[in-house]
Amino acid sequence: MMVVFFYLRMKFYHQMCFQTIQEKASYIIKFNLNASILASDHTSGIVKIWDTNNGQCIQILGSFGQPIVSIAFSHHGKFIAYVSYDGTITVWDINNNKSIAILQEKLSSPWSLAFSKNSNLLVVGRDSEVIQLWDIKTSKIIAFFQGDRPFERVNMTGVTGLTSSTITSLGELGAY
């Protein structure tokens, strides 16, 4: 069993309190804003919510069959977003124990998540320097940012010795 250690400041004594939570194969662990709960993933795609005061699991958000890649809490603490290895992003209402949005986009693999301050928007960082801004209420992308590809704006004019497949590959990576 993997043991996850974390420190919490006690409200009244202002001392450091040491707690342990035991969980099998948790790779992603996130606190909510006031550190009263934390979320952990499980290799089978289960997200668990833990009470940091007593170390008890207080909610299991389901079994999704795919490992979890990233977890984020909303600023007001009502929502948690997580992305599974297959690219499905789920926004969960913690208080009502239900999914409020499922965001799917097969553009590239998502690796990081963050809520806006008002918790209405979710920023998704993907492979290939792609950043998406999702409106949670409509489940729609409202902004899309694309970084340069590795060979963006590289001029291959006059270059010799390259095979046609290499030229094609470099073109797909931004060269012209």
C-alpha atoms as a PDB file:
ATOM      1  CA  MET A   1       0.000   0.000   0.000  1.00  0.00           C
ATOM      2  CA  MET A   2       1.185   3.416  -0.837  1.00  0.00           C
ATOM      3  CA  VAL A   3       1.040   5.808   2.096  1.00  0.00           C
ATOM      4  CA  VAL A   4       0.381   9.439   1.361  1.00  0.00           C
ATOM      5  CA  PHE A   5       1.670  11.889   3.941  1.00  0.00           C
ATOM      6  CA  PHE A   6       0.499  15.434   4.319  1.00  0.00           C
ATOM      7  CA  TYR A   7       0.606  18.183   6.886  1.00  0.00           C
ATOM      8  CA  LEU A   8      -2.327  20.265   8.046  1.00  0.00           C
ATOM      9  CA  ARG A   9      -2.381  23.313  10.252  1.00  0.00           C
ATOM     10  CA  MET A  10      -4.801  22.828  13.133  1.00  0.00           C
ATOM     11  CA  LYS A  11      -7.353  25.635  13.353  1.00  0.00           C
ATOM     12  CA  PHE A  12      -7.116  26.392  17.093  1.00  0.00           C
ATOM     13  CA  TYR A  13      -3.605  25.413  18.119  1.00  0.00           C
ATOM     14  CA  HIS A  14      -1.724  26.617  15.040  1.00  0.00           C
ATOM     15  CA  GLN A  15       0.478  23.561  15.243  1.00  0.00           C
ATOM     16  CA  MET A  16       1.393  21.198  12.488  1.00  0.00           C
ATOM     17  CA  CYS A  17      -0.702  18.056  12.583  1.00  0.00           C
ATOM     18  CA  PHE A  18       0.536  14.914  10.862  1.00  0.00           C
ATOM     19  CA  GLN A  19      -2.032  12.741   9.121  1.00  0.00           C
ATOM     20  CA  THR A  20      -1.673   9.662   6.944  1.00  0.00           C
ATOM     21  CA  ILE A  21      -3.992   8.278   4.348  1.00  0.00           C
ATOM     22  CA  GLN A  22      -3.451   4.836   2.900  1.00  0.00           C
ATOM     23  CA  GLU A  23      -4.360   4.292  -0.719  1.00  0.00           C
ATOM     24  CA  LYS A  24      -3.225   1.867  -3.392  1.00  0.00           C
ATOM     25  CA  ALA A  25      -1.370   3.437  -6.311  1.00  0.00           C
ATOM     26  CA  SER A  26      -2.379   7.097  -5.969  1.00  0.00           C
ATOM     27  CA  TYR A  27      -0.409   9.244  -8.364  1.00  0.00           C
ATOM     28  CA  ILE A  28      -2.451  12.439  -8.494  1.00  0.00           C
ATOM     29  CA  ILE A  29      -3.338  14.099  -5.184  1.00  0.00           C
ATOM     30  CA  LYS A  30      -4.863  17.575  -4.805  1.00  0.00           C
ATOM     31  CA  PHE A  31      -6.116  19.643  -1.861  1.00  0.00           C
ATOM     32  CA  ASN A  32      -9.146  21.877  -2.111  1.00  0.00           C
ATOM     33  CA  LEU A  33      -8.481  25.574  -1.446  1.00  0.00           C
ATOM     34  CA  ASN A  34      -8.805  25.418   2.349  1.00  0.00           C
ATOM     35  CA  ALA A  35      -7.215  21.936   2.647  1.00  0.00           C
ATOM     36  CA  SER A  36     -10.303  20.463   4.344  1.00  0.00           C
ATOM     37  CA  ILE A  37     -10.552  17.714   1.741  1.00  0.00           C
ATOM     38  CA  LEU A  38      -8.272  16.164  -0.814  1.00  0.00           C
ATOM     39  CA  ALA A  39      -8.814  14.076  -3.894  1.00  0.00           C
ATOM     40  CA  SER A  40      -6.759  11.091  -4.961  1.00  0.00           C
ATOM     41  CA  ASP A  41      -6.822   8.966  -8.049  1.00  0.00           C
ATOM     42  CA  HIS A  42      -6.550   5.237  -8.377  1.00  0.00           C
ATOM     43  CA  THR A  43      -5.009   3.340 -11.284  1.00  0.00           C
ATOM     44  CA  SER A  44      -8.429   1.856 -12.131  1.00  0.00           C
ATOM     45  CA  GLY A  45      -9.943   5.312 -12.692  1.00  0.00           C
ATOM     46  CA  ILE A  46     -11.529   5.826  -9.292  1.00  0.00           C
ATOM     47  CA  VAL A  47     -11.384   9.306  -7.751  1.00  0.00           C
ATOM     48  CA  LYS A  48     -11.747   9.388  -3.967  1.00  0.00           C
ATOM     49  CA  ILE A  49     -12.490  12.388  -1.769  1.00  0.00           C
ATOM     50  CA  TRP A  50     -10.892  12.325   1.681  1.00  0.00           C
ATOM     51  CA  ASP A  51     -11.659  14.271   4.871  1.00  0.00           C
ATOM     52  CA  THR A  52      -8.276  15.615   5.979  1.00  0.00           C
ATOM     53  CA  ASN A  53      -9.356  15.972   9.607  1.00  0.00           C
ATOM     54  CA  ASN A  54      -9.924  12.261  10.158  1.00  0.00           C
ATOM     55  CA  GLY A  55      -8.348  10.578   7.105  1.00  0.00           C
ATOM     56  CA  GLN A  56     -11.639   8.945   6.071  1.00  0.00           C
ATOM     57  CA  CYS A  57     -12.791   8.491   2.484  1.00  0.00           C
ATOM     58  CA  ILE A  58     -16.031  10.480   2.303  1.00  0.00           C
ATOM     59  CA  GLN A  59     -16.912  10.049  -1.358  1.00  0.00           C
ATOM     60  CA  ILE A  60     -16.027   7.852  -4.316  1.00  0.00           C
ATOM     61  CA  LEU A  61     -16.690   9.473  -7.660  1.00  0.00           C
ATOM     62  CA  GLY A  62     -17.076   6.253  -9.601  1.00  0.00           C
ATOM     63  CA  SER A  63     -15.028   3.822 -11.570  1.00  0.00           C
ATOM     64  CA  PHE A  64     -14.206   5.118 -15.030  1.00  0.00           C
ATOM     65  CA  GLY A  65     -11.934   2.300 -16.165  1.00  0.00           C
ATOM     66  CA  GLN A  66      -9.082   4.608 -17.191  1.00  0.00           C
ATOM     67  CA  PRO A  67      -6.297   5.991 -14.983  1.00  0.00           C
ATOM     68  CA  ILE A  68      -6.660   9.636 -13.945  1.00  0.00           C
ATOM     69  CA  VAL A  69      -4.166  12.102 -15.435  1.00  0.00           C
ATOM     70  CA  SER A  70      -5.028  15.352 -13.623  1.00  0.00           C
ATOM     71  CA  ILE A  71      -7.345  16.683 -10.895  1.00  0.00           C
ATOM     72  CA  ALA A  72      -8.400  20.263 -10.051  1.00  0.00           C
ATOM     73  CA  PHE A  73     -10.691  21.758  -7.416  1.00  0.00           C
ATOM     74  CA  SER A  74     -12.794  24.842  -8.141  1.00  0.00           C
ATOM     75  CA  HIS A  75     -12.028  27.950  -6.084  1.00  0.00           C
ATOM     76  CA  HIS A  76     -15.375  27.830  -4.255  1.00  0.00           C
ATOM     77  CA  GLY A  77     -14.797  24.147  -3.476  1.00  0.00           C
ATOM     78  CA  LYS A  78     -18.063  22.867  -4.929  1.00  0.00           C
ATOM     79  CA  PHE A  79     -16.601  21.236  -8.054  1.00  0.00           C
ATOM     80  CA  ILE A  80     -13.785  18.908  -8.888  1.00  0.00           C
ATOM     81  CA  ALA A  81     -12.587  18.274 -12.428  1.00  0.00           C
ATOM     82  CA  TYR A  82     -10.549  15.294 -13.474  1.00  0.00           C
ATOM     83  CA  VAL A  83      -9.322  13.908 -16.737  1.00  0.00           C
ATOM     84  CA  SER A  84      -8.882  10.236 -17.484  1.00  0.00           C
ATOM     85  CA  TYR A  85      -6.231   8.707 -19.708  1.00  0.00           C
ATOM     86  CA  ASP A  86      -8.690   8.388 -22.609  1.00  0.00           C
ATOM     87  CA  GLY A  87      -9.100  12.186 -22.650  1.00  0.00           C
ATOM     88  CA  THR A  88     -12.538  12.410 -21.012  1.00  0.00           C
ATOM     89  CA  ILE A  89     -12.826  15.390 -18.661  1.00  0.00           C
ATOM     90  CA  THR A  90     -15.488  15.185 -15.968  1.00  0.00           C
ATOM     91  CA  VAL A  91     -16.660  18.068 -13.779  1.00  0.00           C
ATOM     92  CA  TRP A  92     -18.274  16.744 -10.603  1.00  0.00           C
ATOM     93  CA  ASP A  93     -20.497  18.581  -8.125  1.00  0.00           C
ATOM     94  CA  ILE A  94     -19.082  17.381  -4.801  1.00  0.00           C
ATOM     95  CA  ASN A  95     -22.017  18.570  -2.674  1.00  0.00           C
ATOM     96  CA  ASN A  96     -24.652  16.840  -4.819  1.00  0.00           C
ATOM     97  CA  ASN A  97     -22.480  13.837  -5.728  1.00  0.00           C
ATOM     98  CA  LYS A  98     -23.165  14.031  -9.464  1.00  0.00           C
ATOM     99  CA  SER A  99     -21.497  14.819 -12.750  1.00  0.00           C
ATOM    100  CA  ILE A 100     -22.427  18.259 -14.108  1.00  0.00           C
ATOM    101  CA  ALA A 101     -20.349  18.245 -17.285  1.00  0.00           C
ATOM    102  CA  ILE A 102     -18.453  15.790 -19.421  1.00  0.00           C
ATOM    103  CA  LEU A 103     -16.068  17.408 -21.841  1.00  0.00           C
ATOM    104  CA  GLN A 104     -14.706  15.344 -24.705  1.00  0.00           C
ATOM    105  CA  GLU A 105     -12.365  16.553 -27.386  1.00  0.00           C
ATOM    106  CA  LYS A 106     -10.125  14.148 -29.252  1.00  0.00           C
ATOM    107  CA  LEU A 107      -7.660  16.821 -30.381  1.00  0.00           C
ATOM    108  CA  SER A 108      -4.797  15.603 -28.184  1.00  0.00           C
ATOM    109  CA  SER A 109      -4.238  14.210 -24.712  1.00  0.00           C
ATOM    110  CA  PRO A 110      -5.134  16.547 -21.834  1.00  0.00           C
ATOM    111  CA  TRP A 111      -2.556  16.734 -19.040  1.00  0.00           C
ATOM    112  CA  SER A 112      -3.518  19.619 -16.786  1.00  0.00           C
ATOM    113  CA  LEU A 113      -6.658  21.365 -15.533  1.00  0.00           C
ATOM    114  CA  ALA A 114      -7.440  24.626 -13.740  1.00  0.00           C
ATOM    115  CA  PHE A 115     -10.671  26.432 -12.860  1.00  0.00           C
ATOM    116  CA  SER A 116     -11.239  30.149 -13.331  1.00  0.00           C
ATOM    117  CA  LYS A 117     -11.750  32.165 -10.147  1.00  0.00           C
ATOM    118  CA  ASN A 118     -15.552  32.165 -10.613  1.00  0.00           C
ATOM    119  CA  SER A 119     -15.478  28.411 -11.423  1.00  0.00           C
ATOM    120  CA  ASN A 120     -17.471  28.855 -14.637  1.00  0.00           C
ATOM    121  CA  LEU A 121     -14.523  28.106 -16.909  1.00  0.00           C
ATOM    122  CA  LEU A 122     -12.054  25.257 -17.051  1.00  0.00           C
ATOM    123  CA  VAL A 123      -8.634  25.609 -18.665  1.00  0.00           C
ATOM    124  CA  VAL A 124      -7.310  22.416 -20.235  1.00  0.00           C
ATOM    125  CA  GLY A 125      -3.636  22.014 -21.104  1.00  0.00           C
ATOM    126  CA  ARG A 126      -3.036  19.432 -23.823  1.00  0.00           C
ATOM    127  CA  ASP A 127      -0.183  17.897 -25.800  1.00  0.00           C
ATOM    128  CA  SER A 128       1.435  19.979 -28.538  1.00  0.00           C
ATOM    129  CA  GLU A 129       1.130  23.261 -26.620  1.00  0.00           C
ATOM    130  CA  VAL A 130      -2.637  23.350 -27.003  1.00  0.00           C
ATOM    131  CA  ILE A 131      -4.652  25.206 -24.364  1.00  0.00           C
ATOM    132  CA  GLN A 132      -8.445  25.207 -24.382  1.00  0.00           C
ATOM    133  CA  LEU A 133     -10.871  27.298 -22.385  1.00  0.00           C
ATOM    134  CA  TRP A 134     -14.139  25.428 -21.721  1.00  0.00           C
ATOM    135  CA  ASP A 135     -17.422  26.952 -20.590  1.00  0.00           C
ATOM    136  CA  ILE A 136     -18.640  24.419 -18.031  1.00  0.00           C
ATOM    137  CA  LYS A 137     -22.339  25.335 -18.333  1.00  0.00           C
ATOM    138  CA  THR A 138     -22.443  24.843 -22.106  1.00  0.00           C
ATOM    139  CA  SER A 139     -19.647  22.237 -22.391  1.00  0.00           C
ATOM    140  CA  LYS A 140     -18.260  24.265 -25.307  1.00  0.00           C
ATOM    141  CA  ILE A 141     -14.776  25.494 -26.129  1.00  0.00           C
ATOM    142  CA  ILE A 142     -14.828  29.298 -26.025  1.00  0.00           C
ATOM    143  CA  ALA A 143     -11.115  29.908 -26.649  1.00  0.00           C
ATOM    144  CA  PHE A 144      -8.296  27.911 -28.178  1.00  0.00           C
ATOM    145  CA  PHE A 145      -4.592  28.690 -27.954  1.00  0.00           C
ATOM    146  CA  GLN A 146      -1.969  26.872 -30.035  1.00  0.00           C
ATOM    147  CA  GLY A 147       1.751  27.192 -29.451  1.00  0.00           C
ATOM    148  CA  ASP A 148       4.279  26.864 -32.230  1.00  0.00           C
ATOM    149  CA  ARG A 149       4.977  23.410 -33.578  1.00  0.00           C
ATOM    150  CA  PRO A 150       8.619  22.235 -33.229  1.00  0.00           C
ATOM    151  CA  PHE A 151       9.653  23.400 -36.738  1.00  0.00           C
ATOM    152  CA  GLU A 152       7.197  26.280 -37.099  1.00  0.00           C
ATOM    153  CA  ARG A 153       8.393  28.855 -39.676  1.00  0.00           C
ATOM    154  CA  VAL A 154      11.507  26.870 -40.635  1.00  0.00           C
ATOM    155  CA  ASN A 155      12.164  27.512 -44.312  1.00  0.00           C
ATOM    156  CA  MET A 156      13.269  24.319 -46.119  1.00  0.00           C
ATOM    157  CA  THR A 157      13.704  26.074 -49.466  1.00  0.00           C
ATOM    158  CA  GLY A 158      16.954  24.953 -51.055  1.00  0.00           C
ATOM    159  CA  VAL A 159      17.645  22.210 -48.508  1.00  0.00           C
ATOM    160  CA  THR A 160      18.968  19.104 -50.200  1.00  0.00           C
ATOM    161  CA  GLY A 161      19.407  15.496 -49.172  1.00  0.00           C
ATOM    162  CA  LEU A 162      15.980  15.054 -47.555  1.00  0.00           C
ATOM    163  CA  THR A 163      13.669  12.251 -48.551  1.00  0.00           C
ATOM    164  CA  SER A 164      10.106  13.054 -49.535  1.00  0.00           C
ATOM    165  CA  SER A 165       8.826  11.402 -46.335  1.00  0.00           C
ATOM    166  CA  THR A 166      11.178  13.576 -44.222  1.00  0.00           C
ATOM    167  CA  ILE A 167       9.981  16.697 -46.037  1.00  0.00           C
ATOM    168  CA  THR A 168       6.370  15.640 -45.415  1.00  0.00           C
ATOM    169  CA  SER A 169       7.083  15.008 -41.718  1.00  0.00           C
ATOM    170  CA  LEU A 170       8.844  18.351 -41.286  1.00  0.00           C
ATOM    171  CA  GLY A 171       5.930  20.055 -43.038  1.00  0.00           C
ATOM    172  CA  GLU A 172       3.521  18.503 -40.531  1.00  0.00           C
ATOM    173  CA  LEU A 173       5.712  19.937 -37.775  1.00  0.00           C
ATOM    174  CA  GLY A 174       5.470  23.459 -39.199  1.00  0.00           C
ATOM    175  CA  ALA A 175       8.305  23.735 -41.683  1.00  0.00           C
ATOM    176  CA  TYR A 176       7.563  25.077 -45.166  1.00  0.00           C
END
